[in-house]
């Protein structure tokens, strides 16, 4: 599990970036530290699947349990 402070910082930076983009600011890259996409369940920053919002480990667990609709194994 990721530290809660790192997750909170990442969310705060992503929110600030969204606000700058929506306000029409031309230099929305001025956020000092980049926000990191993290898994919604574990907070893992690496091996993140953007479409699902999960890390590969969490994705695999949920897919094998059948909790992700529309996801099936490629081989049988």
C-alpha atoms as a PDB file:
ATOM      1  CA  UNK A   1       0.000   0.000   0.000  1.00  0.00           C
ATOM      2  CA  UNK A   2       1.123   3.508  -0.765  1.00  0.00           C
ATOM      3  CA  UNK A   3       1.561   6.089   1.932  1.00  0.00           C
ATOM      4  CA  UNK A   4      -1.601   8.129   2.418  1.00  0.00           C
ATOM      5  CA  UNK A   5       0.355  11.376   2.210  1.00  0.00           C
ATOM      6  CA  UNK A   6       1.689  10.484  -1.263  1.00  0.00           C
ATOM      7  CA  UNK A   7      -1.807   9.606  -2.468  1.00  0.00           C
ATOM      8  CA  UNK A   8      -3.201  12.863  -1.080  1.00  0.00           C
ATOM      9  CA  UNK A   9      -0.409  14.908  -2.694  1.00  0.00           C
ATOM     10  CA  UNK A  10      -0.965  13.246  -6.045  1.00  0.00           C
ATOM     11  CA  UNK A  11      -4.714  13.924  -5.935  1.00  0.00           C
ATOM     12  CA  UNK A  12      -4.131  17.539  -4.921  1.00  0.00           C
ATOM     13  CA  UNK A  13      -1.716  18.157  -7.813  1.00  0.00           C
ATOM     14  CA  UNK A  14      -3.999  16.518 -10.375  1.00  0.00           C
ATOM     15  CA  UNK A  15      -6.919  18.641  -9.124  1.00  0.00           C
ATOM     16  CA  UNK A  16      -4.847  21.836  -9.360  1.00  0.00           C
ATOM     17  CA  UNK A  17      -3.812  20.957 -12.916  1.00  0.00           C
ATOM     18  CA  UNK A  18      -7.468  20.345 -13.902  1.00  0.00           C
ATOM     19  CA  UNK A  19      -8.432  23.739 -12.489  1.00  0.00           C
ATOM     20  CA  UNK A  20      -5.684  25.489 -14.459  1.00  0.00           C
ATOM     21  CA  UNK A  21      -6.780  23.783 -17.683  1.00  0.00           C
ATOM     22  CA  UNK A  22     -10.442  24.673 -17.137  1.00  0.00           C
ATOM     23  CA  UNK A  23      -9.635  28.301 -16.313  1.00  0.00           C
ATOM     24  CA  UNK A  24      -8.026  28.692 -19.739  1.00  0.00           C
ATOM     25  CA  UNK A  25      -4.543  29.253 -18.336  1.00  0.00           C
ATOM     26  CA  UNK A  26      -2.001  28.876 -21.126  1.00  0.00           C
ATOM     27  CA  UNK A  27       0.793  27.627 -18.865  1.00  0.00           C
ATOM     28  CA  UNK A  28      -0.956  24.829 -17.031  1.00  0.00           C
ATOM     29  CA  UNK A  29       2.330  22.929 -16.769  1.00  0.00           C
ATOM     30  CA  UNK A  30       3.481  25.307 -14.079  1.00  0.00           C
ATOM     31  CA  UNK A  31       2.536  22.850 -11.324  1.00  0.00           C
ATOM     32  CA  UNK A  32       5.888  22.279  -9.639  1.00  0.00           C
ATOM     33  CA  UNK A  33       5.529  18.523  -9.211  1.00  0.00           C
ATOM     34  CA  UNK A  34       3.653  16.337 -11.653  1.00  0.00           C
ATOM     35  CA  UNK A  35       0.660  14.376 -10.429  1.00  0.00           C
ATOM     36  CA  UNK A  36       1.002  10.611 -10.627  1.00  0.00           C
ATOM     37  CA  UNK A  37      -1.807   8.297 -11.673  1.00  0.00           C
ATOM     38  CA  UNK A  38      -2.394   5.751  -8.916  1.00  0.00           C
ATOM     39  CA  UNK A  39      -4.473   2.623  -8.505  1.00  0.00           C
ATOM     40  CA  UNK A  40      -7.874   3.426  -6.967  1.00  0.00           C
ATOM     41  CA  UNK A  41      -7.688   0.454  -4.596  1.00  0.00           C
ATOM     42  CA  UNK A  42      -4.045   0.006  -3.576  1.00  0.00           C
ATOM     43  CA  UNK A  43      -2.502   3.367  -4.469  1.00  0.00           C
ATOM     44  CA  UNK A  44       0.259   1.718  -6.519  1.00  0.00           C
ATOM     45  CA  UNK A  45       1.857   4.222  -8.942  1.00  0.00           C
ATOM     46  CA  UNK A  46       3.501   1.708 -11.278  1.00  0.00           C
ATOM     47  CA  UNK A  47       1.842  -0.564 -13.856  1.00  0.00           C
ATOM     48  CA  UNK A  48      -1.252   1.671 -13.932  1.00  0.00           C
ATOM     49  CA  UNK A  49      -3.980   0.897 -16.489  1.00  0.00           C
ATOM     50  CA  UNK A  50      -5.587   4.217 -17.324  1.00  0.00           C
ATOM     51  CA  UNK A  51      -8.797   2.779 -18.817  1.00  0.00           C
ATOM     52  CA  UNK A  52      -9.673   0.934 -15.599  1.00  0.00           C
ATOM     53  CA  UNK A  53      -7.915   3.165 -13.068  1.00  0.00           C
ATOM     54  CA  UNK A  54      -6.231   0.120 -11.520  1.00  0.00           C
ATOM     55  CA  UNK A  55      -2.763  -1.348 -11.281  1.00  0.00           C
ATOM     56  CA  UNK A  56      -2.077  -4.561 -13.178  1.00  0.00           C
ATOM     57  CA  UNK A  57      -2.073  -6.605  -9.960  1.00  0.00           C
ATOM     58  CA  UNK A  58      -5.467  -5.359  -8.813  1.00  0.00           C
ATOM     59  CA  UNK A  59      -6.824  -5.648 -12.360  1.00  0.00           C
ATOM     60  CA  UNK A  60      -5.763  -9.295 -12.547  1.00  0.00           C
ATOM     61  CA  UNK A  61      -7.329 -10.150  -9.174  1.00  0.00           C
ATOM     62  CA  UNK A  62     -10.654  -8.517 -10.037  1.00  0.00           C
ATOM     63  CA  UNK A  63     -10.724  -9.972 -13.561  1.00  0.00           C
ATOM     64  CA  UNK A  64     -10.143 -13.526 -12.281  1.00  0.00           C
ATOM     65  CA  UNK A  65     -12.946 -13.098  -9.732  1.00  0.00           C
ATOM     66  CA  UNK A  66     -15.240 -11.875 -12.520  1.00  0.00           C
ATOM     67  CA  UNK A  67     -15.830  -8.478 -10.930  1.00  0.00           C
ATOM     68  CA  UNK A  68     -14.887  -6.477 -14.045  1.00  0.00           C
ATOM     69  CA  UNK A  69     -17.743  -6.614 -16.556  1.00  0.00           C
ATOM     70  CA  UNK A  70     -16.747  -7.418 -20.127  1.00  0.00           C
ATOM     71  CA  UNK A  71     -13.266  -8.658 -19.256  1.00  0.00           C
ATOM     72  CA  UNK A  72     -12.510 -12.259 -20.243  1.00  0.00           C
ATOM     73  CA  UNK A  73      -9.346 -14.332 -20.418  1.00  0.00           C
ATOM     74  CA  UNK A  74      -7.617 -14.415 -23.789  1.00  0.00           C
ATOM     75  CA  UNK A  75      -6.800 -18.107 -23.490  1.00  0.00           C
ATOM     76  CA  UNK A  76      -8.712 -20.943 -21.880  1.00  0.00           C
END
